[in-house]
């Protein structure tokens, strides 16, 4: 069920707002994208940022590998679900994906495809762990997106150095559902890209 919900969520939001600096959270919650990836946060500000996103009616995913001041053990995952309450989490780590799924959080596994060996390991990992979605980095290599899509039946998002509308279109054409970006000028291009995707799928 979570994977299906993830698929629809990303399908409806071809551009994902990626927040790398806490100061950008206010621009993020006023953007037209419904999805925010928090790539920053610490023990002092994470809860507040998530609350701001929820209040703005956004889906918010916290990148656990980048959060400072927390121990990534079973107690933290439970605390995250019960007290901070994000929509889901992002991580490269299999054990955290497994634990987060047990707690009912949506899961996005981030895959760094730096060479063919890393790609094989990442694909096998995703097949075994079965996250609700995978995020491919680097996102500017369409053939990697296409290759992964042939191997896994899991929603794909992509990210990393995506700064233009054409780069977003290239990712989507290769098989990704969404592109995450911290490049603010792209954040409000989502309605244009969404309409283009609607017309493409209508043909």
N, C-alpha and C. Protein backbone atom coordinates (compact mmCIF):
# COMPACT_ATOMS: atom_id res chain seq x y z
N UNK A 1 0.83 -1.21 0.00
CA UNK A 1 0.00 0.00 0.00
C UNK A 1 0.86 1.25 0.00
N UNK A 2 1.92 1.29 0.83
CA UNK A 2 2.77 2.47 0.90
C UNK A 2 3.46 2.72 -0.44
N UNK A 3 3.89 1.62 -1.11
CA UNK A 3 4.57 1.78 -2.39
C UNK A 3 3.62 2.38 -3.42
N UNK A 4 2.36 1.93 -3.42
CA UNK A 4 1.36 2.48 -4.34
C UNK A 4 1.11 3.96 -4.05
N UNK A 5 1.02 4.29 -2.77
CA UNK A 5 0.81 5.70 -2.39
C UNK A 5 2.02 6.53 -2.79
N UNK A 6 3.21 5.97 -2.61
CA UNK A 6 4.45 6.65 -3.01
C UNK A 6 4.44 6.92 -4.51
N UNK A 7 4.07 5.91 -5.27
CA UNK A 7 4.05 6.04 -6.73
C UNK A 7 3.15 7.20 -7.15
N UNK A 8 1.94 7.24 -6.61
CA UNK A 8 1.00 8.30 -6.96
C UNK A 8 1.50 9.67 -6.51
N UNK A 9 2.10 9.71 -5.32
CA UNK A 9 2.61 10.95 -4.77
C UNK A 9 3.70 11.55 -5.67
N UNK A 10 4.65 10.71 -6.06
CA UNK A 10 5.74 11.20 -6.90
C UNK A 10 5.27 11.47 -8.33
N UNK A 11 4.35 10.66 -8.80
CA UNK A 11 3.80 10.86 -10.14
C UNK A 11 3.13 12.23 -10.26
N UNK A 12 2.47 12.65 -9.20
CA UNK A 12 1.78 13.94 -9.20
C UNK A 12 2.69 15.13 -8.92
N UNK A 13 3.94 14.83 -8.55
CA UNK A 13 4.89 15.89 -8.21
C UNK A 13 6.22 15.65 -8.91
N UNK A 14 6.30 15.98 -10.21
CA UNK A 14 7.52 15.69 -10.96
C UNK A 14 8.75 16.47 -10.49
N UNK A 15 8.53 17.51 -9.69
CA UNK A 15 9.65 18.23 -9.08
C UNK A 15 9.49 18.18 -7.56
N UNK A 16 10.55 17.73 -6.89
CA UNK A 16 10.58 17.64 -5.44
C UNK A 16 11.50 18.72 -4.90
N UNK A 17 11.04 19.44 -3.90
CA UNK A 17 11.85 20.48 -3.27
C UNK A 17 12.85 19.84 -2.31
N UNK A 18 14.14 20.04 -2.55
CA UNK A 18 15.18 19.53 -1.66
C UNK A 18 15.74 20.69 -0.85
N UNK A 19 15.67 20.59 0.47
CA UNK A 19 16.11 21.66 1.36
C UNK A 19 17.45 21.28 1.98
N UNK A 20 18.49 22.04 1.65
CA UNK A 20 19.83 21.78 2.18
C UNK A 20 20.20 22.73 3.31
N UNK A 21 19.51 23.85 3.37
CA UNK A 21 19.78 24.86 4.40
C UNK A 21 18.48 25.14 5.14
N UNK A 22 18.49 25.07 6.48
CA UNK A 22 17.25 25.32 7.24
C UNK A 22 16.58 26.65 6.90
N UNK A 23 17.37 27.64 6.48
CA UNK A 23 16.81 28.94 6.13
C UNK A 23 15.87 28.86 4.92
N UNK A 24 16.02 27.81 4.12
CA UNK A 24 15.21 27.68 2.92
C UNK A 24 13.85 27.02 3.17
N UNK A 25 13.59 26.63 4.40
CA UNK A 25 12.36 25.90 4.69
C UNK A 25 11.12 26.75 4.41
N UNK A 26 11.22 28.06 4.61
CA UNK A 26 10.05 28.92 4.38
C UNK A 26 9.74 29.06 2.90
N UNK A 27 10.78 29.14 2.07
CA UNK A 27 10.56 29.14 0.62
C UNK A 27 10.00 27.79 0.18
N UNK A 28 10.48 26.73 0.80
CA UNK A 28 10.04 25.38 0.43
C UNK A 28 8.56 25.18 0.70
N UNK A 29 8.10 25.61 1.87
CA UNK A 29 6.70 25.36 2.21
C UNK A 29 5.74 26.24 1.40
N UNK A 30 6.27 27.30 0.79
CA UNK A 30 5.44 28.15 -0.06
C UNK A 30 5.57 27.78 -1.54
N UNK A 31 6.36 26.77 -1.84
CA UNK A 31 6.48 26.32 -3.22
C UNK A 31 5.24 25.55 -3.63
N UNK A 32 5.11 25.28 -4.92
CA UNK A 32 3.93 24.58 -5.42
C UNK A 32 4.09 23.05 -5.39
N UNK A 33 5.28 22.57 -5.10
CA UNK A 33 5.48 21.13 -4.96
C UNK A 33 4.89 20.66 -3.63
N UNK A 34 4.29 19.49 -3.65
CA UNK A 34 3.70 18.94 -2.42
C UNK A 34 4.70 18.12 -1.62
N UNK A 35 5.89 17.87 -2.19
CA UNK A 35 6.88 17.00 -1.54
C UNK A 35 8.14 17.78 -1.20
N UNK A 36 8.60 17.62 0.04
CA UNK A 36 9.85 18.25 0.49
C UNK A 36 10.78 17.16 1.00
N UNK A 37 12.01 17.17 0.49
CA UNK A 37 13.07 16.32 1.02
C UNK A 37 13.94 17.18 1.93
N UNK A 38 13.97 16.86 3.21
CA UNK A 38 14.83 17.58 4.16
C UNK A 38 16.21 16.93 4.18
N UNK A 39 17.19 17.62 3.59
CA UNK A 39 18.56 17.11 3.55
C UNK A 39 19.42 17.82 4.59
N UNK A 40 18.77 18.29 5.62
CA UNK A 40 19.43 19.00 6.70
C UNK A 40 18.61 18.78 7.97
N UNK A 41 19.17 19.18 9.10
CA UNK A 41 18.43 19.05 10.35
C UNK A 41 19.30 18.56 11.47
N UNK A 42 18.91 18.91 12.67
CA UNK A 42 19.62 18.44 13.86
C UNK A 42 18.63 18.29 15.01
N UNK A 43 19.15 17.91 16.16
CA UNK A 43 18.31 17.63 17.32
C UNK A 43 17.49 18.86 17.74
N UNK A 44 17.95 20.04 17.37
CA UNK A 44 17.27 21.27 17.79
C UNK A 44 16.18 21.74 16.81
N UNK A 45 16.39 21.51 15.51
CA UNK A 45 15.46 22.13 14.56
C UNK A 45 14.65 21.16 13.71
N UNK A 46 14.93 19.88 13.79
CA UNK A 46 14.25 18.93 12.90
C UNK A 46 12.74 18.92 13.12
N UNK A 47 12.31 18.83 14.37
CA UNK A 47 10.88 18.75 14.67
C UNK A 47 10.15 19.99 14.17
N UNK A 48 10.74 21.16 14.37
CA UNK A 48 10.10 22.40 13.94
C UNK A 48 9.96 22.43 12.42
N UNK A 49 11.01 22.01 11.70
CA UNK A 49 10.94 22.02 10.23
C UNK A 49 9.87 21.06 9.73
N UNK A 50 9.80 19.88 10.32
CA UNK A 50 8.78 18.92 9.91
C UNK A 50 7.38 19.46 10.21
N UNK A 51 7.22 20.08 11.37
CA UNK A 51 5.91 20.66 11.72
C UNK A 51 5.50 21.75 10.74
N UNK A 52 6.44 22.57 10.30
CA UNK A 52 6.14 23.61 9.32
C UNK A 52 5.67 22.99 8.00
N UNK A 53 6.33 21.92 7.60
CA UNK A 53 5.94 21.24 6.36
C UNK A 53 4.55 20.65 6.47
N UNK A 54 4.27 20.00 7.58
CA UNK A 54 2.95 19.38 7.78
C UNK A 54 1.86 20.44 7.83
N UNK A 55 2.14 21.54 8.51
CA UNK A 55 1.16 22.63 8.60
C UNK A 55 0.85 23.21 7.22
N UNK A 56 1.86 23.18 6.34
CA UNK A 56 1.68 23.69 4.97
C UNK A 56 1.10 22.61 4.05
N UNK A 57 0.69 21.47 4.63
CA UNK A 57 0.07 20.38 3.88
C UNK A 57 1.04 19.77 2.86
N UNK A 58 2.28 19.57 3.30
CA UNK A 58 3.31 18.96 2.45
C UNK A 58 3.62 17.55 2.93
N UNK A 59 4.06 16.72 2.00
CA UNK A 59 4.65 15.43 2.36
C UNK A 59 6.13 15.70 2.62
N UNK A 60 6.64 15.27 3.77
CA UNK A 60 8.01 15.60 4.13
C UNK A 60 8.80 14.33 4.45
N UNK A 61 9.95 14.21 3.80
CA UNK A 61 10.85 13.08 4.00
C UNK A 61 12.15 13.60 4.60
N UNK A 62 12.60 12.97 5.68
CA UNK A 62 13.84 13.40 6.33
C UNK A 62 14.98 12.44 5.93
N UNK A 63 16.11 13.03 5.55
CA UNK A 63 17.28 12.23 5.17
C UNK A 63 18.05 11.89 6.44
N UNK A 64 17.90 10.68 6.93
CA UNK A 64 18.45 10.32 8.23
C UNK A 64 19.98 10.29 8.24
N UNK A 65 20.60 10.05 7.10
CA UNK A 65 22.07 10.02 7.05
C UNK A 65 22.67 11.41 7.26
N UNK A 66 21.86 12.44 7.08
CA UNK A 66 22.37 13.82 7.15
C UNK A 66 21.93 14.57 8.40
N UNK A 67 21.12 13.92 9.24
CA UNK A 67 20.67 14.56 10.47
C UNK A 67 21.74 14.47 11.55
N UNK A 68 21.97 15.57 12.25
CA UNK A 68 23.01 15.61 13.27
C UNK A 68 22.40 15.58 14.68
N UNK A 69 23.09 14.88 15.57
CA UNK A 69 22.68 14.88 16.97
C UNK A 69 21.78 13.74 17.39
N UNK A 70 21.47 12.83 16.46
CA UNK A 70 20.63 11.69 16.78
C UNK A 70 21.41 10.40 16.57
N UNK A 71 21.15 9.41 17.38
CA UNK A 71 21.70 8.07 17.18
C UNK A 71 20.72 7.28 16.33
N UNK A 72 21.20 6.71 15.25
CA UNK A 72 20.30 6.01 14.33
C UNK A 72 20.07 4.57 14.78
N UNK A 73 19.39 4.43 15.91
CA UNK A 73 19.06 3.09 16.40
C UNK A 73 17.55 2.91 16.37
N UNK A 74 17.09 1.76 16.84
CA UNK A 74 15.67 1.44 16.80
C UNK A 74 14.83 2.44 17.59
N UNK A 75 15.37 2.93 18.69
CA UNK A 75 14.64 3.88 19.53
C UNK A 75 14.42 5.20 18.78
N UNK A 76 15.43 5.61 18.02
CA UNK A 76 15.28 6.87 17.29
C UNK A 76 14.23 6.74 16.20
N UNK A 77 14.22 5.61 15.47
CA UNK A 77 13.22 5.43 14.41
C UNK A 77 11.82 5.49 15.00
N UNK A 78 11.62 4.87 16.14
CA UNK A 78 10.31 4.91 16.81
C UNK A 78 9.98 6.33 17.27
N UNK A 79 10.98 7.03 17.83
CA UNK A 79 10.79 8.42 18.26
C UNK A 79 10.44 9.30 17.05
N UNK A 80 11.14 9.07 15.94
CA UNK A 80 10.88 9.83 14.72
C UNK A 80 9.42 9.66 14.29
N UNK A 81 8.95 8.43 14.28
CA UNK A 81 7.57 8.15 13.86
C UNK A 81 6.55 8.76 14.82
N UNK A 82 6.77 8.58 16.13
CA UNK A 82 5.77 8.98 17.11
C UNK A 82 5.80 10.46 17.47
N UNK A 83 6.98 11.07 17.46
CA UNK A 83 7.12 12.44 17.96
C UNK A 83 7.38 13.48 16.87
N UNK A 84 8.17 13.14 15.87
CA UNK A 84 8.50 14.12 14.81
C UNK A 84 7.52 13.99 13.65
N UNK A 85 7.14 12.78 13.32
CA UNK A 85 6.03 12.48 12.40
C UNK A 85 6.22 12.95 10.95
N UNK A 86 7.36 12.66 10.34
CA UNK A 86 7.48 12.94 8.91
C UNK A 86 6.66 11.93 8.11
N UNK A 87 6.48 12.21 6.83
CA UNK A 87 5.81 11.25 5.95
C UNK A 87 6.67 10.01 5.79
N UNK A 88 7.98 10.24 5.68
CA UNK A 88 8.88 9.11 5.46
C UNK A 88 10.32 9.51 5.65
N UNK A 89 11.20 8.59 5.31
CA UNK A 89 12.64 8.82 5.49
C UNK A 89 13.39 8.51 4.20
N UNK A 90 14.59 9.07 4.12
CA UNK A 90 15.54 8.80 3.04
C UNK A 90 16.82 8.30 3.69
N UNK A 91 17.41 7.27 3.14
CA UNK A 91 18.68 6.78 3.66
C UNK A 91 19.35 5.88 2.63
N UNK A 92 20.64 5.68 2.79
CA UNK A 92 21.36 4.71 1.97
C UNK A 92 21.43 3.35 2.67
N UNK A 93 21.01 3.29 3.93
CA UNK A 93 21.29 2.13 4.78
C UNK A 93 20.12 1.13 4.84
N UNK A 94 20.44 -0.11 4.52
CA UNK A 94 19.42 -1.16 4.46
C UNK A 94 18.71 -1.37 5.79
N UNK A 95 19.48 -1.39 6.89
CA UNK A 95 18.87 -1.69 8.19
C UNK A 95 17.89 -0.59 8.61
N UNK A 96 18.17 0.65 8.24
CA UNK A 96 17.26 1.74 8.59
C UNK A 96 15.99 1.66 7.75
N UNK A 97 16.12 1.30 6.47
CA UNK A 97 14.94 1.10 5.61
C UNK A 97 14.03 0.04 6.24
N UNK A 98 14.63 -1.07 6.64
CA UNK A 98 13.85 -2.17 7.23
C UNK A 98 13.14 -1.72 8.49
N UNK A 99 13.84 -1.03 9.37
CA UNK A 99 13.25 -0.59 10.64
C UNK A 99 12.16 0.45 10.41
N UNK A 100 12.40 1.37 9.49
CA UNK A 100 11.41 2.41 9.21
C UNK A 100 10.13 1.80 8.63
N UNK A 101 10.28 0.80 7.78
CA UNK A 101 9.11 0.11 7.23
C UNK A 101 8.30 -0.56 8.34
N UNK A 102 9.00 -1.13 9.31
CA UNK A 102 8.32 -1.76 10.44
C UNK A 102 7.50 -0.76 11.24
N UNK A 103 7.97 0.49 11.27
CA UNK A 103 7.26 1.54 12.01
C UNK A 103 6.18 2.21 11.17
N UNK A 104 6.05 1.80 9.91
CA UNK A 104 5.01 2.36 9.07
C UNK A 104 5.37 3.65 8.36
N UNK A 105 6.67 3.99 8.34
CA UNK A 105 7.13 5.17 7.62
C UNK A 105 7.37 4.82 6.16
N UNK A 106 7.10 5.74 5.26
CA UNK A 106 7.47 5.54 3.86
C UNK A 106 8.99 5.60 3.76
N UNK A 107 9.54 4.84 2.83
CA UNK A 107 10.99 4.74 2.73
C UNK A 107 11.49 5.02 1.32
N UNK A 108 12.52 5.85 1.23
CA UNK A 108 13.21 6.12 -0.03
C UNK A 108 14.67 5.73 0.16
N UNK A 109 15.13 4.77 -0.63
CA UNK A 109 16.52 4.35 -0.53
C UNK A 109 17.34 5.11 -1.57
N UNK A 110 18.33 5.84 -1.09
CA UNK A 110 19.19 6.62 -1.98
C UNK A 110 20.33 5.74 -2.49
N UNK A 111 20.48 5.71 -3.81
CA UNK A 111 21.48 4.86 -4.46
C UNK A 111 22.50 5.72 -5.20
N UNK A 112 23.77 5.59 -4.86
CA UNK A 112 24.84 6.29 -5.57
C UNK A 112 25.41 5.34 -6.62
N UNK A 113 25.13 5.61 -7.89
CA UNK A 113 25.55 4.73 -8.97
C UNK A 113 26.83 5.28 -9.61
N UNK A 114 27.94 5.06 -8.94
CA UNK A 114 29.21 5.65 -9.36
C UNK A 114 29.93 4.81 -10.42
N UNK A 115 29.64 3.51 -10.46
CA UNK A 115 30.23 2.64 -11.48
C UNK A 115 29.34 1.40 -11.60
N UNK A 116 29.71 0.49 -12.50
CA UNK A 116 28.86 -0.67 -12.77
C UNK A 116 28.75 -1.58 -11.55
N UNK A 117 29.84 -1.68 -10.78
CA UNK A 117 29.80 -2.51 -9.57
C UNK A 117 28.82 -1.94 -8.55
N UNK A 118 28.89 -0.62 -8.34
CA UNK A 118 27.96 0.04 -7.41
C UNK A 118 26.52 -0.11 -7.88
N UNK A 119 26.34 -0.08 -9.18
CA UNK A 119 24.98 -0.23 -9.73
C UNK A 119 24.43 -1.62 -9.44
N UNK A 120 25.25 -2.66 -9.66
CA UNK A 120 24.80 -4.03 -9.41
C UNK A 120 24.45 -4.23 -7.94
N UNK A 121 25.31 -3.73 -7.05
CA UNK A 121 25.08 -3.86 -5.60
C UNK A 121 23.80 -3.12 -5.21
N UNK A 122 23.63 -1.92 -5.75
CA UNK A 122 22.46 -1.10 -5.40
C UNK A 122 21.15 -1.75 -5.86
N UNK A 123 21.16 -2.29 -7.07
CA UNK A 123 19.96 -2.93 -7.60
C UNK A 123 19.60 -4.17 -6.77
N UNK A 124 20.60 -4.98 -6.44
CA UNK A 124 20.35 -6.17 -5.63
C UNK A 124 19.83 -5.79 -4.25
N UNK A 125 20.38 -4.71 -3.69
CA UNK A 125 19.94 -4.23 -2.39
C UNK A 125 18.48 -3.80 -2.43
N UNK A 126 18.13 -3.03 -3.45
CA UNK A 126 16.75 -2.54 -3.57
C UNK A 126 15.77 -3.70 -3.76
N UNK A 127 16.18 -4.70 -4.53
CA UNK A 127 15.31 -5.85 -4.74
C UNK A 127 15.06 -6.60 -3.43
N UNK A 128 16.10 -6.68 -2.60
CA UNK A 128 16.00 -7.41 -1.34
C UNK A 128 15.23 -6.63 -0.28
N UNK A 129 15.54 -5.35 -0.12
CA UNK A 129 14.96 -4.53 0.94
C UNK A 129 13.57 -4.02 0.59
N UNK A 130 13.34 -3.80 -0.70
CA UNK A 130 12.04 -3.32 -1.20
C UNK A 130 11.58 -2.02 -0.54
N UNK A 131 12.35 -0.93 -0.72
CA UNK A 131 11.88 0.37 -0.23
C UNK A 131 10.66 0.79 -1.04
N UNK A 132 9.95 1.80 -0.56
CA UNK A 132 8.77 2.28 -1.29
C UNK A 132 9.16 3.03 -2.55
N UNK A 133 10.36 3.59 -2.56
CA UNK A 133 10.89 4.28 -3.74
C UNK A 133 12.40 4.28 -3.65
N UNK A 134 13.06 4.51 -4.77
CA UNK A 134 14.51 4.68 -4.77
C UNK A 134 14.86 6.02 -5.40
N UNK A 135 15.91 6.63 -4.89
CA UNK A 135 16.41 7.88 -5.46
C UNK A 135 17.78 7.61 -6.06
N UNK A 136 17.92 7.87 -7.34
CA UNK A 136 19.16 7.61 -8.06
C UNK A 136 20.01 8.87 -8.14
N UNK A 137 21.28 8.73 -7.76
CA UNK A 137 22.26 9.79 -7.95
C UNK A 137 23.49 9.19 -8.63
N UNK A 138 24.13 9.89 -9.58
CA UNK A 138 23.75 11.20 -10.09
C UNK A 138 22.50 11.13 -10.97
N UNK A 139 21.74 12.20 -10.96
CA UNK A 139 20.49 12.20 -11.69
C UNK A 139 20.58 12.64 -13.13
N UNK A 140 21.76 13.06 -13.56
CA UNK A 140 21.90 13.63 -14.90
C UNK A 140 22.39 12.62 -15.93
N UNK A 141 22.25 11.34 -15.62
CA UNK A 141 22.65 10.29 -16.56
C UNK A 141 21.43 9.43 -16.87
N UNK A 142 20.66 9.84 -17.89
CA UNK A 142 19.40 9.15 -18.20
C UNK A 142 19.54 7.64 -18.40
N UNK A 143 20.67 7.20 -18.98
CA UNK A 143 20.80 5.77 -19.25
C UNK A 143 20.86 4.95 -17.95
N UNK A 144 21.33 5.57 -16.86
CA UNK A 144 21.33 4.87 -15.58
C UNK A 144 19.90 4.69 -15.07
N UNK A 145 19.09 5.73 -15.22
CA UNK A 145 17.69 5.65 -14.80
C UNK A 145 16.98 4.55 -15.58
N UNK A 146 17.18 4.53 -16.89
CA UNK A 146 16.54 3.53 -17.75
C UNK A 146 17.00 2.12 -17.36
N UNK A 147 18.29 1.97 -17.10
CA UNK A 147 18.83 0.65 -16.74
C UNK A 147 18.25 0.15 -15.42
N UNK A 148 18.14 1.02 -14.44
CA UNK A 148 17.59 0.62 -13.15
C UNK A 148 16.10 0.29 -13.29
N UNK A 149 15.40 1.08 -14.05
CA UNK A 149 13.96 0.87 -14.23
C UNK A 149 13.67 -0.51 -14.84
N UNK A 150 14.57 -0.98 -15.70
CA UNK A 150 14.39 -2.31 -16.30
C UNK A 150 14.56 -3.43 -15.27
N UNK A 151 15.29 -3.13 -14.19
CA UNK A 151 15.65 -4.16 -13.22
C UNK A 151 14.74 -4.21 -12.00
N UNK A 152 14.13 -3.09 -11.65
CA UNK A 152 13.33 -3.05 -10.42
C UNK A 152 11.93 -2.49 -10.68
N UNK A 153 10.97 -3.04 -9.99
CA UNK A 153 9.58 -2.56 -10.08
C UNK A 153 9.28 -1.69 -8.86
N UNK A 154 10.05 -0.62 -8.75
CA UNK A 154 9.96 0.29 -7.62
C UNK A 154 9.95 1.72 -8.17
N UNK A 155 9.11 2.61 -7.66
CA UNK A 155 9.10 3.99 -8.13
C UNK A 155 10.49 4.63 -8.02
N UNK A 156 10.87 5.36 -9.07
CA UNK A 156 12.20 5.97 -9.13
C UNK A 156 12.10 7.49 -9.11
N UNK A 157 12.88 8.10 -8.23
CA UNK A 157 13.11 9.54 -8.28
C UNK A 157 14.61 9.73 -8.48
N UNK A 158 14.99 10.91 -8.84
CA UNK A 158 16.40 11.15 -9.13
C UNK A 158 16.80 12.52 -8.63
N UNK A 159 18.09 12.70 -8.38
CA UNK A 159 18.54 13.98 -7.85
C UNK A 159 20.03 14.18 -8.08
N UNK A 160 20.49 15.37 -7.73
CA UNK A 160 21.91 15.68 -7.86
C UNK A 160 22.20 16.58 -9.05
N UNK A 161 22.46 17.87 -8.79
CA UNK A 161 22.88 18.84 -9.80
C UNK A 161 21.83 19.10 -10.87
N UNK A 162 20.56 18.90 -10.56
CA UNK A 162 19.49 19.17 -11.51
C UNK A 162 19.08 20.63 -11.36
N UNK A 163 19.30 21.41 -12.43
CA UNK A 163 19.11 22.86 -12.32
C UNK A 163 18.29 23.47 -13.46
N UNK A 164 17.89 22.68 -14.44
CA UNK A 164 17.13 23.24 -15.56
C UNK A 164 15.89 22.41 -15.84
N UNK A 165 14.93 23.03 -16.52
CA UNK A 165 13.72 22.31 -16.90
C UNK A 165 14.05 21.14 -17.82
N UNK A 166 15.00 21.35 -18.74
CA UNK A 166 15.37 20.29 -19.67
C UNK A 166 15.96 19.09 -18.95
N UNK A 167 16.72 19.36 -17.89
CA UNK A 167 17.30 18.25 -17.12
C UNK A 167 16.20 17.46 -16.41
N UNK A 168 15.19 18.15 -15.92
CA UNK A 168 14.05 17.46 -15.32
C UNK A 168 13.34 16.61 -16.37
N UNK A 169 13.08 17.19 -17.53
CA UNK A 169 12.39 16.46 -18.60
C UNK A 169 13.19 15.22 -19.01
N UNK A 170 14.50 15.36 -19.05
CA UNK A 170 15.36 14.23 -19.44
C UNK A 170 15.24 13.08 -18.44
N UNK A 171 15.22 13.42 -17.15
CA UNK A 171 15.06 12.39 -16.11
C UNK A 171 13.72 11.69 -16.21
N UNK A 172 12.67 12.46 -16.43
CA UNK A 172 11.33 11.89 -16.52
C UNK A 172 11.19 11.02 -17.77
N UNK A 173 11.77 11.47 -18.86
CA UNK A 173 11.69 10.70 -20.11
C UNK A 173 12.43 9.37 -19.98
N UNK A 174 13.46 9.33 -19.11
CA UNK A 174 14.24 8.11 -18.93
C UNK A 174 13.55 7.11 -18.01
N UNK A 175 12.51 7.57 -17.29
CA UNK A 175 11.77 6.63 -16.46
C UNK A 175 11.58 7.04 -15.01
N UNK A 176 12.18 8.16 -14.60
CA UNK A 176 11.95 8.64 -13.24
C UNK A 176 10.56 9.27 -13.13
N UNK A 177 9.98 9.21 -11.94
CA UNK A 177 8.69 9.85 -11.71
C UNK A 177 8.87 11.30 -11.29
N UNK A 178 9.99 11.58 -10.60
CA UNK A 178 10.24 12.91 -10.06
C UNK A 178 11.73 13.19 -10.05
N UNK A 179 12.04 14.48 -10.01
CA UNK A 179 13.43 14.92 -9.85
C UNK A 179 13.51 15.83 -8.63
N UNK A 180 14.41 15.52 -7.72
CA UNK A 180 14.58 16.38 -6.55
C UNK A 180 15.66 17.41 -6.83
N UNK A 181 15.43 18.63 -6.37
CA UNK A 181 16.38 19.70 -6.64
C UNK A 181 16.37 20.75 -5.54
N UNK A 182 17.54 21.27 -5.22
CA UNK A 182 17.65 22.37 -4.27
C UNK A 182 17.74 23.71 -5.01
N UNK A 183 17.64 23.66 -6.35
CA UNK A 183 17.74 24.87 -7.18
C UNK A 183 16.39 25.59 -7.18
N UNK A 184 16.31 26.65 -6.42
CA UNK A 184 15.03 27.32 -6.18
C UNK A 184 14.26 27.75 -7.43
N UNK A 185 14.94 28.25 -8.47
CA UNK A 185 14.17 28.66 -9.66
C UNK A 185 13.33 27.53 -10.27
N UNK A 186 13.69 26.27 -9.97
CA UNK A 186 12.92 25.15 -10.51
C UNK A 186 11.70 24.79 -9.67
N UNK A 187 11.68 25.22 -8.42
CA UNK A 187 10.65 24.76 -7.50
C UNK A 187 9.24 25.06 -7.98
N UNK A 188 9.05 26.20 -8.60
CA UNK A 188 7.71 26.57 -9.03
C UNK A 188 7.46 26.31 -10.52
N UNK A 189 8.32 25.51 -11.12
CA UNK A 189 8.09 25.06 -12.50
C UNK A 189 7.26 23.77 -12.52
N UNK A 190 6.87 23.31 -11.35
CA UNK A 190 6.20 22.01 -11.27
C UNK A 190 4.89 21.97 -12.05
N UNK A 191 4.13 23.05 -12.05
CA UNK A 191 2.85 23.03 -12.75
C UNK A 191 3.05 22.90 -14.25
N UNK A 192 4.08 23.57 -14.78
CA UNK A 192 4.41 23.46 -16.20
C UNK A 192 4.80 22.02 -16.55
N UNK A 193 5.71 21.44 -15.76
CA UNK A 193 6.18 20.08 -16.02
C UNK A 193 5.04 19.08 -15.83
N UNK A 194 4.24 19.29 -14.81
CA UNK A 194 3.10 18.39 -14.54
C UNK A 194 2.14 18.37 -15.73
N UNK A 195 1.83 19.54 -16.27
CA UNK A 195 0.91 19.61 -17.41
C UNK A 195 1.53 18.96 -18.64
N UNK A 196 2.82 19.15 -18.84
CA UNK A 196 3.50 18.49 -19.96
C UNK A 196 3.41 16.97 -19.84
N UNK A 197 3.62 16.47 -18.62
CA UNK A 197 3.55 15.03 -18.39
C UNK A 197 2.13 14.50 -18.61
N UNK A 198 1.15 15.27 -18.20
CA UNK A 198 -0.25 14.88 -18.39
C UNK A 198 -0.57 14.74 -19.87
N UNK A 199 -0.11 15.70 -20.66
CA UNK A 199 -0.37 15.66 -22.10
C UNK A 199 0.38 14.52 -22.78
N UNK A 200 1.60 14.26 -22.32
CA UNK A 200 2.38 13.16 -22.88
C UNK A 200 1.71 11.81 -22.64
N UNK A 201 1.19 11.62 -21.43
CA UNK A 201 0.57 10.35 -21.09
C UNK A 201 -0.82 10.21 -21.72
N UNK A 202 -1.38 11.35 -22.12
CA UNK A 202 -2.70 11.34 -22.74
C UNK A 202 -2.62 10.88 -24.19
N UNK A 203 -1.45 11.15 -24.81
CA UNK A 203 -1.30 10.83 -26.24
C UNK A 203 -1.28 9.33 -26.49
